[in-house]
Amino acid sequence: MGNISNVNSIQPTHGMAPDSLPILWPARLPEKPRIILASSGGADSLGALIWLHSLKLKGQISDVRVVSINHQIHPDSAEWSALAVAQAQHFGFKADIISVQLPKLSPEGHRSLEARARAARYAALRDNLAREEAGVVLVTAHHLSDQVETFLLAALRGSSLAGLAAMPALAPFGLGWHWRPFIQTPAVTLQALAQGASLPYVIDPSNFDTRFDRNFLRHEILPLLQARFPNALERVGQTAKQAAQDWTMLTELAAQDNGASWGDTLALTTLESLSAARQANLIRAWVKARGALMPPKTKLNEFMRQCHAAHPAQRPTLRWGDWAMTRYRQHLYWRHLRLEAGFEPVIWRDKTQPCLIHAHLMLILTRAEANDPLALDERWLSHPWRVRPRAPQDYLSNSPSQPRQDLKHWFQQNNMPPWLRTSVMMLEIDHQLAGMVGLITQTNYQAKAQAGWRITIKKTERSD
């Protein structure tokens, strides 16, 4: 791997020019964005770092910070993360190392090492980026071979277009974006940047272990395809891109069928008015909009059968990984199971910054219209705020003409599903109960006629 301690004294040689990479700049990216590069220290990551450095020199991006995730799987993993930091420092960029412990199960319920490492990696990155300002852009060095492998794995699982679309070039991630600028770039092109610089990089031996499905495709199957069909990777990559475009059209059809913006509920009457194929399409679009993987097809079909046949008092539920759908009365409700697990009280000091409840949930303040019943008066911003779980003694009233109510009766009157009642967030100001976040602001704390501030709940969905 080279001498890490001397990496700062090494200068790049004249290899492939970063400008030669045919990268399309997404229109939705902010102007001169701040970039967070997720780096393994390998050749792909080093090539991405060199390319980003060239953008920084040309003034196209404002800053780059490198984050390396130490999965603590391999005995040398700490050294690899240290090398990723040294690479970043060579170009004058700040860098951090985040050590993670792999769960026994991934959020999708998979036991495979690949799935658990991916889940832990993105959870750590999401938590790290939550401390950044809105609009920060996470960059990963996924390239064309990664895209082709993802497509083939989806095809072997019998996935729909949503799965065959593979990895998007740009997707929302927390309060910013996840950008894969090299998703249509051959791996050899990206790696040539790394090989053209006299900087050491990581060679992870696990990348050659064909017991892993992705490595088996990369080392056993793709070379055979390319030997027989020289343009195989480009053609499959284009198929994935076409699948993404076709999926966009189906998503637009689903949005028309839904008749409203994507939220946490779907009306059963809407579903029952559609053909079976359009019902399935609407459900798939809903799942994708919530940032989740698709549930197993057989389980989804059985869940829909139960929903249509169930008595209104019954609550059929489909659970897979971190997510669930439940029929409650005449609606299907989207559930993120980790959000229902509760949280510890949090002090919200700097109201100009998001309040991180946990890795999957944060609160932000946004300007509210005058007479918004949830708006908090400006004068309360300078007071101490505390967000905590509900307590048995909590009573609320959002109108001077209404008596105080205990939460149990309020939940019943407002048809709140039972599983949501345990995870509501109570706001205290100066140690007094000011409201229930997103649901009630007590009269004494409301903005009244003038514009105020509304607390917005931001769920940080997954990206992979």
Protein backbone atom coordinates (compact mmCIF):
# COMPACT_ATOMS: atom_id res chain seq x y z
CA MET A 1 0.00 0.00 0.00
CA GLY A 2 2.96 2.31 0.34
CA ASN A 3 4.28 4.39 3.21
CA ILE A 4 1.34 6.29 4.70
CA SER A 5 3.54 8.62 6.72
CA ASN A 6 5.21 9.95 3.56
CA VAL A 7 2.08 10.35 1.46
CA ASN A 8 1.99 14.15 1.83
CA SER A 9 5.40 14.48 0.18
CA ILE A 10 4.34 12.57 -2.94
CA GLN A 11 3.29 14.53 -6.01
CA PRO A 12 0.91 13.24 -8.69
CA THR A 13 2.46 12.19 -11.95
CA HIS A 14 1.08 12.96 -15.36
CA GLY A 15 -1.56 10.32 -15.89
CA MET A 16 -5.06 10.53 -17.28
CA ALA A 17 -6.45 14.07 -17.08
CA PRO A 18 -9.48 14.43 -14.77
CA ASP A 19 -11.11 16.65 -17.43
CA SER A 20 -11.29 13.65 -19.77
CA LEU A 21 -14.04 11.98 -17.71
CA PRO A 22 -17.39 12.52 -19.51
CA ILE A 23 -19.44 13.54 -16.46
CA LEU A 24 -22.85 15.19 -16.77
CA TRP A 25 -23.55 17.80 -14.09
CA PRO A 26 -27.10 17.27 -12.70
CA ALA A 27 -29.30 20.35 -13.04
CA ARG A 28 -30.69 19.85 -9.52
CA LEU A 29 -27.31 20.17 -7.82
CA PRO A 30 -26.75 23.48 -6.00
CA GLU A 31 -24.27 25.93 -7.49
CA LYS A 32 -20.72 25.34 -6.21
CA PRO A 33 -21.84 22.61 -3.79
CA ARG A 34 -20.03 21.41 -0.69
CA ILE A 35 -18.96 17.81 -1.28
CA ILE A 36 -18.56 14.95 1.17
CA LEU A 37 -16.65 12.09 -0.48
CA ALA A 38 -17.19 8.64 1.03
CA SER A 39 -13.78 7.02 0.54
CA SER A 40 -12.53 3.50 1.12
CA GLY A 41 -9.00 4.52 0.20
CA GLY A 42 -9.17 2.23 -2.85
CA ALA A 43 -8.42 3.04 -6.48
CA ASP A 44 -12.02 4.06 -7.25
CA SER A 45 -12.15 6.45 -4.29
CA LEU A 46 -8.73 7.89 -5.09
CA GLY A 47 -9.77 8.48 -8.70
CA ALA A 48 -12.90 10.28 -7.45
CA LEU A 49 -10.76 12.37 -5.08
CA ILE A 50 -8.44 13.44 -7.90
CA TRP A 51 -11.43 14.41 -10.05
CA LEU A 52 -13.01 16.43 -7.23
CA HIS A 53 -9.69 18.17 -6.61
CA SER A 54 -9.68 19.31 -10.24
CA LEU A 55 -13.23 20.68 -9.81
CA LYS A 56 -12.14 22.54 -6.69
CA LEU A 57 -9.21 24.12 -8.56
CA LYS A 58 -11.60 25.28 -11.31
CA GLY A 59 -14.03 26.76 -8.76
CA GLN A 60 -16.90 24.41 -9.66
CA ILE A 61 -17.27 23.17 -6.08
CA SER A 62 -16.74 25.14 -2.88
CA ASP A 63 -15.17 22.51 -0.65
CA VAL A 64 -14.46 18.81 -0.24
CA ARG A 65 -14.41 16.78 2.96
CA VAL A 66 -13.59 13.07 3.01
CA VAL A 67 -15.29 10.53 5.28
CA SER A 68 -13.93 7.00 5.57
CA ILE A 69 -16.03 4.29 7.21
CA ASN A 70 -14.04 1.72 9.17
CA HIS A 71 -16.27 -1.37 9.20
CA GLN A 72 -13.80 -3.16 11.54
CA ILE A 73 -14.13 -6.35 9.51
CA HIS A 74 -10.57 -6.82 8.23
CA PRO A 75 -7.50 -6.62 10.54
CA ASP A 76 -6.10 -3.83 8.35
CA SER A 77 -9.33 -1.81 8.10
CA ALA A 78 -8.09 0.94 10.47
CA GLU A 79 -4.95 1.30 8.37
CA TRP A 80 -7.07 1.55 5.20
CA SER A 81 -9.14 4.38 6.68
CA ALA A 82 -5.92 6.11 7.74
CA LEU A 83 -4.71 5.88 4.13
CA ALA A 84 -7.99 7.43 2.90
CA VAL A 85 -7.36 10.32 5.32
CA ALA A 86 -3.77 10.69 4.09
CA GLN A 87 -4.97 10.82 0.48
CA ALA A 88 -7.40 13.61 1.37
CA GLN A 89 -4.78 15.56 3.30
CA HIS A 90 -2.39 15.29 0.34
CA PHE A 91 -4.86 17.43 -1.63
CA GLY A 92 -5.49 19.78 1.28
CA PHE A 93 -8.90 18.40 2.22
CA LYS A 94 -10.18 17.65 5.72
CA ALA A 95 -11.04 14.06 6.50
CA ASP A 96 -12.75 12.02 9.22
CA ILE A 97 -12.85 8.34 10.14
CA ILE A 98 -16.08 6.79 11.45
CA SER A 99 -15.86 3.34 13.04
CA VAL A 100 -19.02 1.23 12.92
CA GLN A 101 -20.15 -2.09 14.33
CA LEU A 102 -22.07 -4.30 11.93
CA PRO A 103 -25.53 -5.39 13.13
CA LYS A 104 -26.46 -9.06 13.11
CA LEU A 105 -29.19 -8.15 10.64
CA SER A 106 -29.27 -5.35 8.10
CA PRO A 107 -32.27 -2.96 8.13
CA GLU A 108 -33.65 -5.05 5.26
CA GLY A 109 -33.45 -8.18 7.38
CA HIS A 110 -30.49 -9.67 5.46
CA ARG A 111 -27.73 -11.57 7.23
CA SER A 112 -25.18 -11.23 4.41
CA LEU A 113 -21.99 -9.37 5.21
CA GLU A 114 -22.41 -7.19 2.10
CA ALA A 115 -25.91 -6.03 3.09
CA ARG A 116 -24.98 -5.41 6.73
CA ALA A 117 -21.87 -3.43 5.76
CA ARG A 118 -23.87 -1.31 3.31
CA ALA A 119 -26.59 -0.63 5.88
CA ALA A 120 -24.07 0.38 8.56
CA ARG A 121 -22.13 2.54 6.10
CA TYR A 122 -25.12 4.58 4.95
CA ALA A 123 -26.49 4.95 8.46
CA ALA A 124 -23.13 6.36 9.59
CA LEU A 125 -22.91 8.68 6.57
CA ARG A 126 -26.46 9.93 7.08
CA ASP A 127 -25.75 10.67 10.73
CA ASN A 128 -22.50 12.47 9.83
CA LEU A 129 -24.13 14.60 7.10
CA ALA A 130 -26.96 15.58 9.46
CA ARG A 131 -24.47 17.94 11.11
CA GLU A 132 -23.91 19.77 7.81
CA GLU A 133 -25.95 22.60 6.34
CA ALA A 134 -28.81 21.72 4.00
CA GLY A 135 -27.77 21.03 0.43
CA VAL A 136 -24.51 19.19 1.11
CA VAL A 137 -23.73 16.58 -1.57
CA LEU A 138 -22.50 13.08 -0.75
CA VAL A 139 -20.35 11.64 -3.56
CA THR A 140 -19.59 7.95 -3.92
CA ALA A 141 -17.31 6.37 -6.53
CA HIS A 142 -19.83 3.88 -7.94
CA HIS A 143 -18.95 3.19 -11.58
CA LEU A 144 -20.43 1.35 -14.55
CA SER A 145 -19.42 -2.13 -13.33
CA ASP A 146 -21.15 -1.45 -10.01
CA GLN A 147 -24.27 -0.42 -11.90
CA VAL A 148 -24.24 -3.52 -14.11
CA GLU A 149 -23.78 -5.79 -11.09
CA THR A 150 -26.68 -4.11 -9.31
CA PHE A 151 -28.88 -4.52 -12.40
CA LEU A 152 -28.01 -8.23 -12.76
CA LEU A 153 -28.59 -8.94 -9.07
CA ALA A 154 -31.99 -7.23 -9.32
CA ALA A 155 -32.83 -9.23 -12.44
CA LEU A 156 -31.86 -12.50 -10.72
CA ARG A 157 -34.22 -11.58 -7.85
CA GLY A 158 -37.06 -11.11 -10.34
CA SER A 159 -37.30 -7.39 -9.61
CA SER A 160 -39.68 -4.97 -11.31
CA LEU A 161 -38.55 -1.83 -13.16
CA ALA A 162 -38.02 -0.14 -9.81
CA GLY A 163 -35.23 -2.64 -9.09
CA LEU A 164 -33.88 -2.85 -12.63
CA ALA A 165 -33.38 0.92 -12.60
CA ALA A 166 -30.46 0.06 -10.27
CA MET A 167 -28.62 3.04 -8.72
CA PRO A 168 -29.70 6.58 -9.63
CA ALA A 169 -27.04 9.11 -10.57
CA LEU A 170 -28.65 11.60 -8.18
CA ALA A 171 -31.02 11.00 -5.27
CA PRO A 172 -32.11 12.88 -2.14
CA PHE A 173 -30.05 12.00 0.92
CA GLY A 174 -30.94 13.51 4.29
CA LEU A 175 -31.10 17.28 3.80
CA GLY A 176 -28.93 17.13 0.68
CA TRP A 177 -28.10 14.82 -2.21
CA HIS A 178 -26.32 11.57 -3.00
CA TRP A 179 -24.47 11.94 -6.30
CA ARG A 180 -22.87 9.09 -8.23
CA PRO A 181 -21.07 11.03 -10.99
CA PHE A 182 -19.27 7.96 -12.41
CA ILE A 183 -22.27 5.65 -12.74
CA GLN A 184 -21.89 5.52 -16.55
CA THR A 185 -18.08 5.60 -16.45
CA PRO A 186 -16.10 2.35 -16.94
CA ALA A 187 -14.14 1.31 -13.87
CA VAL A 188 -10.85 1.28 -15.81
CA THR A 189 -11.34 4.95 -16.74
CA LEU A 190 -11.83 6.00 -13.13
CA GLN A 191 -9.03 3.80 -11.87
CA ALA A 192 -6.63 5.21 -14.47
CA LEU A 193 -6.74 8.49 -12.56
CA ALA A 194 -5.53 6.70 -9.42
CA GLN A 195 -2.88 4.73 -11.28
CA GLY A 196 -1.59 7.90 -12.94
CA ALA A 197 -0.76 9.44 -9.57
CA SER A 198 2.10 8.20 -7.41
CA LEU A 199 -0.15 7.78 -4.38
CA PRO A 200 -0.72 4.46 -2.61
CA TYR A 201 -4.23 3.06 -2.44
CA VAL A 202 -6.00 0.20 -0.70
CA ILE A 203 -6.34 -3.22 -2.28
CA ASP A 204 -8.99 -5.03 -0.25
CA PRO A 205 -8.57 -8.82 -0.63
CA SER A 206 -12.26 -9.38 0.12
CA ASN A 207 -13.06 -7.76 -3.24
CA PHE A 208 -11.68 -10.90 -4.90
CA ASP A 209 -13.63 -13.39 -2.77
CA THR A 210 -16.13 -14.91 -5.21
CA ARG A 211 -18.23 -16.36 -2.39
CA PHE A 212 -19.89 -12.92 -2.40
CA ASP A 213 -22.49 -12.57 -5.16
CA ARG A 214 -21.25 -9.23 -6.42
CA ASN A 215 -17.65 -10.42 -6.64
CA PHE A 216 -18.78 -13.60 -8.44
CA LEU A 217 -20.49 -11.49 -11.08
CA ARG A 218 -17.51 -9.13 -11.35
CA HIS A 219 -14.76 -11.75 -11.68
CA GLU A 220 -16.52 -14.76 -13.19
CA ILE A 221 -19.52 -13.58 -15.21
CA LEU A 222 -18.75 -10.07 -16.53
CA PRO A 223 -15.43 -11.07 -18.16
CA LEU A 224 -17.24 -13.84 -20.05
CA LEU A 225 -19.93 -11.41 -21.20
CA GLN A 226 -17.35 -8.87 -22.33
CA ALA A 227 -15.34 -11.52 -24.17
CA ARG A 228 -18.42 -12.53 -26.14
CA PHE A 229 -20.07 -9.09 -26.31
CA PRO A 230 -17.41 -6.31 -26.17
CA ASN A 231 -19.97 -3.59 -25.37
CA ALA A 232 -21.83 -5.66 -22.76
CA LEU A 233 -21.28 -3.30 -19.82
CA GLU A 234 -22.27 -0.19 -21.75
CA ARG A 235 -25.38 -1.94 -23.13
CA VAL A 236 -26.51 -3.21 -19.73
CA GLY A 237 -25.81 0.22 -18.26
CA GLN A 238 -28.00 1.77 -20.92
CA THR A 239 -30.71 -0.80 -20.14
CA ALA A 240 -30.60 0.22 -16.49
CA LYS A 241 -30.83 3.86 -17.56
CA GLN A 242 -33.81 3.06 -19.81
CA ALA A 243 -35.44 1.14 -16.96
CA ALA A 244 -35.03 4.24 -14.79
CA GLN A 245 -36.73 6.38 -17.46
CA ASP A 246 -39.57 3.86 -17.85
CA TRP A 247 -39.91 3.70 -14.08
CA THR A 248 -40.21 7.50 -14.04
CA MET A 249 -43.19 7.25 -16.40
CA LEU A 250 -44.82 4.59 -14.23
CA THR A 251 -44.20 6.77 -11.18
CA GLU A 252 -45.93 9.67 -12.92
CA LEU A 253 -48.90 7.38 -13.68
CA ALA A 254 -48.96 6.30 -10.04
CA ALA A 255 -48.93 9.96 -8.94
CA GLN A 256 -51.96 10.60 -11.17
CA ASP A 257 -53.71 7.56 -9.70
CA ASN A 258 -52.88 8.70 -6.18
CA GLY A 259 -54.21 12.20 -6.86
CA ALA A 260 -52.06 13.76 -4.14
CA SER A 261 -48.47 14.18 -3.08
CA TRP A 262 -46.81 11.13 -1.58
CA GLY A 263 -47.43 10.94 2.14
CA ASP A 264 -47.66 8.30 4.85
CA THR A 265 -51.14 7.08 3.87
CA LEU A 266 -52.96 5.64 0.86
CA ALA A 267 -56.74 5.53 0.72
CA LEU A 268 -58.20 2.07 0.17
CA THR A 269 -60.94 3.61 -1.98
CA THR A 270 -58.22 4.88 -4.35
CA LEU A 271 -56.63 1.46 -4.65
CA GLU A 272 -59.93 -0.36 -5.12
CA SER A 273 -60.83 1.89 -8.06
CA LEU A 274 -57.77 0.68 -10.04
CA SER A 275 -56.92 -2.48 -11.93
CA ALA A 276 -54.68 -5.01 -10.19
CA ALA A 277 -51.68 -3.93 -12.29
CA ARG A 278 -52.15 -0.26 -11.43
CA GLN A 279 -52.69 -1.09 -7.77
CA ALA A 280 -49.32 -2.88 -7.76
CA ASN A 281 -47.72 0.03 -9.60
CA LEU A 282 -49.13 2.53 -7.09
CA ILE A 283 -47.81 0.49 -4.16
CA ARG A 284 -44.35 0.17 -5.76
CA ALA A 285 -44.20 3.92 -6.39
CA TRP A 286 -45.25 4.58 -2.80
CA VAL A 287 -42.51 2.28 -1.46
CA LYS A 288 -39.91 3.91 -3.70
CA ALA A 289 -41.04 7.41 -2.66
CA ARG A 290 -40.53 6.44 0.99
CA GLY A 291 -36.91 5.47 0.25
CA ALA A 292 -37.32 1.76 1.00
CA LEU A 293 -36.51 -1.49 -0.75
CA MET A 294 -39.38 -3.39 -2.33
CA PRO A 295 -41.07 -5.97 -0.11
CA PRO A 296 -41.11 -9.58 -1.34
CA LYS A 297 -43.69 -9.87 -4.10
CA THR A 298 -45.51 -12.87 -2.60
CA LYS A 299 -45.81 -11.17 0.79
CA LEU A 300 -47.08 -7.95 -0.80
CA ASN A 301 -49.72 -9.82 -2.82
CA GLU A 302 -50.94 -11.66 0.29
CA PHE A 303 -51.05 -8.39 2.26
CA MET A 304 -53.17 -6.73 -0.43
CA ARG A 305 -55.52 -9.71 -0.47
CA GLN A 306 -55.95 -9.44 3.30
CA CYS A 307 -56.53 -5.68 3.10
CA HIS A 308 -59.34 -6.08 0.59
CA ALA A 309 -60.94 -8.97 2.51
CA ALA A 310 -60.44 -7.80 6.09
CA HIS A 311 -63.13 -6.45 8.38
CA PRO A 312 -62.64 -2.68 8.99
CA ALA A 313 -61.69 -3.37 12.61
CA GLN A 314 -58.84 -5.67 11.60
CA ARG A 315 -55.32 -4.39 11.00
CA PRO A 316 -53.43 -6.53 8.47
CA THR A 317 -49.71 -5.65 8.54
CA LEU A 318 -46.83 -6.34 6.18
CA ARG A 319 -43.37 -6.07 7.76
CA TRP A 320 -40.05 -6.29 5.94
CA GLY A 321 -36.77 -5.02 7.32
CA ASP A 322 -37.14 -1.55 8.81
CA TRP A 323 -40.53 -0.87 7.26
CA ALA A 324 -44.15 -1.90 7.51
CA MET A 325 -47.57 -1.20 5.98
CA THR A 326 -50.71 -1.50 8.09
CA ARG A 327 -54.36 -1.17 7.16
CA TYR A 328 -56.09 1.03 9.72
CA ARG A 329 -59.74 1.70 9.01
CA GLN A 330 -59.95 2.86 5.37
CA HIS A 331 -56.29 3.68 4.76
CA LEU A 332 -52.94 1.99 4.36
CA TYR A 333 -50.34 3.55 6.65
CA TRP A 334 -46.62 3.65 5.98
CA ARG A 335 -44.53 2.77 9.01
CA HIS A 336 -40.81 3.19 9.67
CA LEU A 337 -40.30 0.74 12.51
CA ARG A 338 -37.16 2.38 13.88
CA LEU A 339 -39.06 5.64 14.34
CA GLU A 340 -41.60 3.83 16.51
CA ALA A 341 -38.96 2.53 18.90
CA GLY A 342 -38.87 5.75 20.93
CA PHE A 343 -36.09 8.24 21.60
CA GLU A 344 -34.20 9.98 24.39
CA PRO A 345 -35.00 13.62 25.36
CA VAL A 346 -33.00 16.16 23.33
CA ILE A 347 -32.10 19.78 24.14
CA TRP A 348 -32.49 22.02 21.07
CA ARG A 349 -30.13 24.92 21.68
CA ASP A 350 -29.25 26.45 18.29
CA LYS A 351 -32.56 26.87 16.46
CA THR A 352 -30.74 27.80 13.22
CA GLN A 353 -29.48 24.20 13.03
CA PRO A 354 -31.45 20.95 12.72
CA CYS A 355 -32.28 19.11 15.93
CA LEU A 356 -31.15 15.48 15.49
CA ILE A 357 -33.54 13.18 17.36
CA HIS A 358 -31.71 10.07 16.14
CA ALA A 359 -30.04 8.83 12.94
CA HIS A 360 -33.38 8.57 11.12
CA LEU A 361 -35.21 11.67 12.32
CA MET A 362 -34.48 15.37 12.70
CA LEU A 363 -36.42 18.58 13.27
CA ILE A 364 -35.88 21.86 11.42
CA LEU A 365 -37.48 25.30 11.76
CA THR A 366 -39.19 26.80 8.73
CA ARG A 367 -41.00 30.11 8.27
CA ALA A 368 -44.76 29.85 8.78
CA GLU A 369 -47.63 31.91 7.42
CA ALA A 370 -49.55 34.23 9.70
CA ASN A 371 -52.34 32.48 11.61
CA ASP A 372 -50.76 29.05 11.12
CA PRO A 373 -52.09 27.16 14.18
CA LEU A 374 -48.80 25.27 14.51
CA ALA A 375 -46.57 28.37 14.26
CA LEU A 376 -44.49 29.31 17.27
CA ASP A 377 -44.06 32.97 18.13
CA GLU A 378 -40.64 34.46 17.30
CA ARG A 379 -40.00 35.48 20.93
CA TRP A 380 -39.73 31.84 22.01
CA LEU A 381 -36.66 31.15 19.84
CA SER A 382 -34.30 32.52 22.48
CA HIS A 383 -35.76 30.31 25.24
CA PRO A 384 -34.56 26.79 26.17
CA TRP A 385 -36.29 24.03 24.17
CA ARG A 386 -36.51 20.36 25.06
CA VAL A 387 -38.01 17.61 22.87
CA ARG A 388 -39.08 14.54 24.83
CA PRO A 389 -41.42 11.52 24.65
CA ARG A 390 -44.98 11.81 25.96
CA ALA A 391 -45.70 11.38 29.65
CA PRO A 392 -48.89 10.23 31.45
CA GLN A 393 -49.47 13.69 32.96
CA ASP A 394 -49.44 15.51 29.59
CA TYR A 395 -52.51 17.65 28.80
CA LEU A 396 -52.92 19.87 25.76
CA SER A 397 -55.24 22.50 24.35
CA ASN A 398 -54.82 24.26 21.01
CA SER A 399 -57.78 26.60 21.36
CA PRO A 400 -58.86 29.05 24.12
CA SER A 401 -62.45 27.85 23.72
CA GLN A 402 -61.59 24.20 24.34
CA PRO A 403 -60.80 22.62 27.70
CA ARG A 404 -57.56 20.80 28.22
CA GLN A 405 -57.50 17.20 27.00
CA ASP A 406 -55.38 14.26 28.01
CA LEU A 407 -53.55 12.73 25.07
CA LYS A 408 -55.49 9.46 25.08
CA HIS A 409 -58.76 11.24 24.25
CA TRP A 410 -57.03 13.55 21.76
CA PHE A 411 -55.59 10.53 19.90
CA GLN A 412 -59.00 8.85 19.77
CA GLN A 413 -60.81 11.97 18.52
CA ASN A 414 -58.20 12.56 15.82
CA ASN A 415 -58.04 8.92 14.65
CA MET A 416 -54.31 8.58 15.31
CA PRO A 417 -53.18 4.98 14.71
CA PRO A 418 -52.12 3.23 17.92
CA TRP A 419 -48.51 2.58 16.83
CA LEU A 420 -47.89 6.33 16.33
CA ARG A 421 -49.00 7.31 19.81
CA THR A 422 -45.87 5.99 21.52
CA SER A 423 -43.48 7.97 19.31
CA VAL A 424 -45.02 11.47 19.40
CA MET A 425 -42.60 14.28 20.32
CA MET A 426 -43.53 16.74 23.03
CA LEU A 427 -42.00 20.24 23.00
CA GLU A 428 -41.12 21.95 26.27
CA ILE A 429 -40.19 25.65 26.42
CA ASP A 430 -38.89 26.96 29.74
CA HIS A 431 -39.85 23.58 31.25
CA GLN A 432 -43.51 24.09 30.26
CA LEU A 433 -45.36 21.98 27.70
CA ALA A 434 -45.70 24.05 24.52
CA GLY A 435 -47.14 21.47 22.16
CA MET A 436 -46.90 18.19 20.32
CA VAL A 437 -44.46 18.49 17.41
CA GLY A 438 -46.28 18.61 14.07
CA LEU A 439 -49.71 18.25 15.68
CA ILE A 440 -50.51 20.94 18.27
CA THR A 441 -49.04 24.24 19.42
CA GLN A 442 -50.52 25.43 22.70
CA THR A 443 -52.38 28.73 22.54
CA ASN A 444 -49.92 30.66 24.70
CA TYR A 445 -47.05 29.82 22.35
CA GLN A 446 -48.75 30.42 18.98
CA ALA A 447 -47.63 33.20 16.63
CA LYS A 448 -51.20 34.55 16.33
CA ALA A 449 -51.57 37.19 13.59
CA GLN A 450 -47.88 37.62 12.73
CA ALA A 451 -45.69 35.15 10.86
CA GLY A 452 -43.86 32.67 13.09
CA TRP A 453 -41.86 29.47 12.94
CA ARG A 454 -43.10 25.94 12.31
CA ILE A 455 -41.24 22.81 13.38
CA THR A 456 -40.90 20.48 10.40
CA ILE A 457 -40.24 16.79 10.90
CA LYS A 458 -37.61 15.48 8.50
CA LYS A 459 -37.26 11.71 8.10
CA THR A 460 -33.86 10.82 6.74
CA GLU A 461 -34.60 7.89 4.48
CA ARG A 462 -32.02 5.39 3.25
CA SER A 463 -29.99 5.58 0.05
CA ASP A 464 -27.93 2.89 -1.50
